[in-house]
Protein backbone atom coordinates (compact mmCIF):
# COMPACT_ATOMS: atom_id res chain seq x y z
CA MET A 1 -63.08 81.20 -21.59
CA ILE A 2 -59.68 80.64 -19.96
CA LEU A 3 -58.05 79.53 -23.24
CA ASP A 4 -58.92 82.90 -24.78
CA THR A 5 -57.14 84.58 -21.86
CA PHE A 6 -54.03 82.46 -22.36
CA ARG A 7 -54.09 83.16 -26.09
CA SER A 8 -54.48 86.92 -25.62
CA GLN A 9 -51.64 87.02 -23.07
CA ILE A 10 -49.35 85.17 -25.47
CA LEU A 11 -50.34 87.47 -28.36
CA PHE A 12 -49.79 90.58 -26.24
CA ALA A 13 -46.36 89.41 -25.07
CA ARG A 14 -45.33 88.60 -28.66
CA SER A 15 -46.49 91.97 -30.00
CA TYR A 16 -44.42 93.69 -27.31
CA THR A 17 -41.36 91.58 -28.15
CA ILE A 18 -41.71 92.26 -31.89
CA ARG A 19 -42.00 95.99 -31.21
CA ILE A 20 -38.54 95.89 -29.64
CA LEU A 21 -37.07 93.31 -32.01
CA ASP A 22 -38.05 95.18 -35.17
CA LYS A 23 -35.97 98.15 -33.99
CA ILE A 24 -32.73 96.13 -33.76
CA PRO A 25 -30.86 95.65 -37.05
CA GLU A 26 -29.74 92.07 -37.75
CA SER A 27 -26.15 93.34 -37.82
CA LEU A 28 -26.40 93.77 -34.02
CA TRP A 29 -27.99 90.40 -33.24
CA PHE A 30 -24.68 88.75 -32.27
CA GLN A 31 -23.05 91.72 -30.51
CA MET A 32 -22.51 91.19 -26.81
CA PRO A 33 -22.13 94.42 -24.84
CA GLN A 34 -19.53 94.06 -22.11
CA PRO A 35 -19.62 92.24 -19.87
CA ALA A 36 -20.73 89.77 -22.54
CA VAL A 37 -23.52 87.57 -21.22
CA THR A 38 -26.03 87.32 -24.07
CA HIS A 39 -27.03 88.57 -27.50
CA VAL A 40 -30.29 89.20 -29.36
CA ALA A 41 -29.94 86.06 -31.49
CA TRP A 42 -29.75 83.81 -28.41
CA GLN A 43 -32.67 85.59 -26.75
CA VAL A 44 -34.92 85.19 -29.82
CA GLY A 45 -33.85 81.58 -30.37
CA HIS A 46 -34.47 80.85 -26.70
CA LEU A 47 -37.95 82.38 -26.92
CA ALA A 48 -38.77 80.17 -29.92
CA MET A 49 -37.51 77.06 -28.15
CA ALA A 50 -39.28 77.92 -24.90
CA GLN A 51 -42.60 78.81 -26.51
CA TYR A 52 -42.57 75.45 -28.29
CA ARG A 53 -41.72 73.54 -25.13
CA LEU A 54 -44.24 75.47 -23.01
CA GLY A 55 -47.10 76.00 -25.44
CA VAL A 56 -46.90 72.67 -27.26
CA GLU A 57 -44.63 69.97 -25.82
CA ARG A 58 -45.72 70.29 -22.20
CA ILE A 59 -49.43 70.50 -23.07
CA ARG A 60 -50.00 67.94 -25.84
CA GLY A 61 -46.60 66.30 -26.23
CA ILE A 62 -44.27 66.16 -29.22
CA LYS A 63 -45.58 65.15 -32.64
CA PRO A 64 -43.27 64.08 -35.49
CA GLU A 65 -44.49 66.95 -37.68
CA ASP A 66 -43.24 69.49 -35.11
CA ALA A 67 -39.71 68.85 -36.42
CA SER A 68 -40.62 70.72 -39.62
CA ILE A 69 -41.13 73.84 -37.49
CA ILE A 70 -38.38 73.51 -34.88
CA SER A 71 -35.57 70.96 -34.97
CA ASP A 72 -33.91 69.17 -32.06
CA GLU A 73 -30.68 70.93 -33.09
CA PHE A 74 -32.37 74.34 -32.78
CA ILE A 75 -33.78 73.39 -29.37
CA GLY A 76 -30.32 72.25 -28.28
CA LEU A 77 -28.71 75.56 -29.22
CA PHE A 78 -31.13 77.67 -27.20
CA ARG A 79 -32.37 75.56 -24.29
CA ILE A 80 -31.96 76.57 -20.68
CA GLN A 81 -28.41 76.17 -19.35
CA THR A 82 -26.83 76.93 -22.74
CA VAL A 83 -24.36 79.80 -22.70
CA PRO A 84 -24.67 82.32 -25.54
CA GLN A 85 -21.52 82.37 -27.68
CA ALA A 86 -20.24 85.37 -29.64
CA GLU A 87 -19.34 83.17 -32.64
CA SER A 88 -22.30 83.77 -34.96
CA GLN A 89 -21.36 80.84 -37.23
CA ILE A 90 -22.51 78.29 -34.62
CA TYR A 91 -26.06 79.64 -34.85
CA PRO A 92 -28.63 79.91 -37.63
CA SER A 93 -28.76 83.36 -39.26
CA PRO A 94 -30.99 86.05 -37.73
CA SER A 95 -33.55 85.54 -40.51
CA GLU A 96 -33.59 81.77 -39.89
CA ILE A 97 -33.99 82.31 -36.15
CA ARG A 98 -36.81 84.78 -36.78
CA LYS A 99 -38.50 82.28 -39.14
CA VAL A 100 -38.55 79.61 -36.40
CA PHE A 101 -39.61 82.21 -33.81
CA ASP A 102 -42.60 83.20 -35.98
CA ALA A 103 -43.52 79.63 -37.00
CA VAL A 104 -43.51 78.35 -33.41
CA HIS A 105 -45.71 81.26 -32.38
CA GLN A 106 -48.23 80.40 -35.09
CA LEU A 107 -48.15 76.74 -34.03
CA VAL A 108 -48.87 77.65 -30.41
CA LEU A 109 -51.74 79.94 -31.41
CA SER A 110 -53.23 77.22 -33.62
CA GLU A 111 -52.92 74.62 -30.84
CA ILE A 112 -54.56 76.68 -28.07
CA PRO A 113 -58.16 76.11 -29.29
CA THR A 114 -57.54 72.35 -29.25
CA TYR A 115 -56.74 72.54 -25.54
CA ALA A 116 -60.44 73.05 -24.72
CA SER A 117 -60.65 69.29 -24.25
CA VAL A 118 -57.48 69.12 -22.13
CA ASP A 119 -57.66 68.99 -18.33
CA LEU A 120 -55.46 71.99 -17.57
CA THR A 121 -55.32 71.10 -13.87
CA GLN A 122 -53.18 68.06 -14.74
CA PRO A 123 -49.38 68.12 -14.56
CA PRO A 124 -47.58 68.99 -17.81
CA VAL A 125 -46.58 66.17 -20.17
CA THR A 126 -42.94 66.87 -19.31
CA PRO A 127 -42.15 68.30 -15.85
CA HIS A 128 -41.32 71.97 -15.33
CA SER A 129 -39.32 73.40 -12.44
CA ILE A 130 -41.86 76.06 -11.42
CA CYS A 131 -45.13 75.17 -13.16
CA LYS A 132 -47.11 72.32 -11.64
CA THR A 133 -50.13 72.29 -13.98
CA LYS A 134 -50.79 72.76 -17.69
CA SER A 135 -52.65 75.95 -16.78
CA ASP A 136 -49.54 77.25 -14.98
CA ILE A 137 -47.50 76.41 -18.09
CA LEU A 138 -49.75 78.49 -20.37
CA VAL A 139 -49.60 81.47 -18.00
CA TRP A 140 -45.81 81.17 -17.74
CA CYS A 141 -45.56 81.07 -21.54
CA SER A 142 -46.48 84.76 -21.82
CA HIS A 143 -44.64 85.79 -18.65
CA HIS A 144 -41.46 84.08 -19.83
CA GLU A 145 -41.66 85.99 -23.10
CA PHE A 146 -41.90 89.31 -21.26
CA LEU A 147 -38.88 88.38 -19.15
CA HIS A 148 -36.78 87.88 -22.29
CA ALA A 149 -38.33 90.85 -24.10
CA GLY A 150 -36.93 92.90 -21.24
CA GLN A 151 -33.47 91.47 -21.86
CA ILE A 152 -33.77 92.22 -25.58
CA GLY A 153 -34.88 95.75 -24.73
CA LEU A 154 -31.90 96.17 -22.42
CA LEU A 155 -29.52 94.99 -25.16
CA ARG A 156 -31.10 97.52 -27.50
CA ARG A 157 -30.50 100.29 -24.94
CA LEU A 158 -26.88 99.14 -24.53
CA PHE A 159 -26.53 99.54 -28.31
CA GLY A 160 -27.33 103.23 -27.71
CA GLU A 161 -30.97 103.18 -28.80
CA ALA A 162 -33.83 105.03 -27.08
CA PRO A 163 -36.48 103.06 -25.22
CA ILE A 164 -39.55 101.90 -27.14
CA TRP A 165 -42.93 102.69 -25.61
């Protein structure tokens, strides 16, 4: 079943990301190697925001109870077009970011089986710049995670750490 494929791709991407993330101490999450363009905290927060918007919002729409998992403020801090800032005090702590990251992931995984009744050939609930169907959105969900896992891995290397295989 296609939903099982989407689910397994999302799980695989997350396990790869966590493998890298677990090797970066929280004390480095806000460091920005020069030239400063991003930090681990923004990357992880962005992944949480994006997985929610891709795996939930664009497939079934927003529900009021979603706010208990990810707030509008959190989404605003990490959405596309935001510029990562070195001032850690403007962001939630690494443990708070990780909590949202993990909770959104569980939400997406729990929602996927409910999509069996959804016509995945339809456009997403909210438009996306490159994905034209709900099926495209679910594929992009795992690919987007790998893209940012690569950036997290690069940051880790810039911190002087060996690659993780």
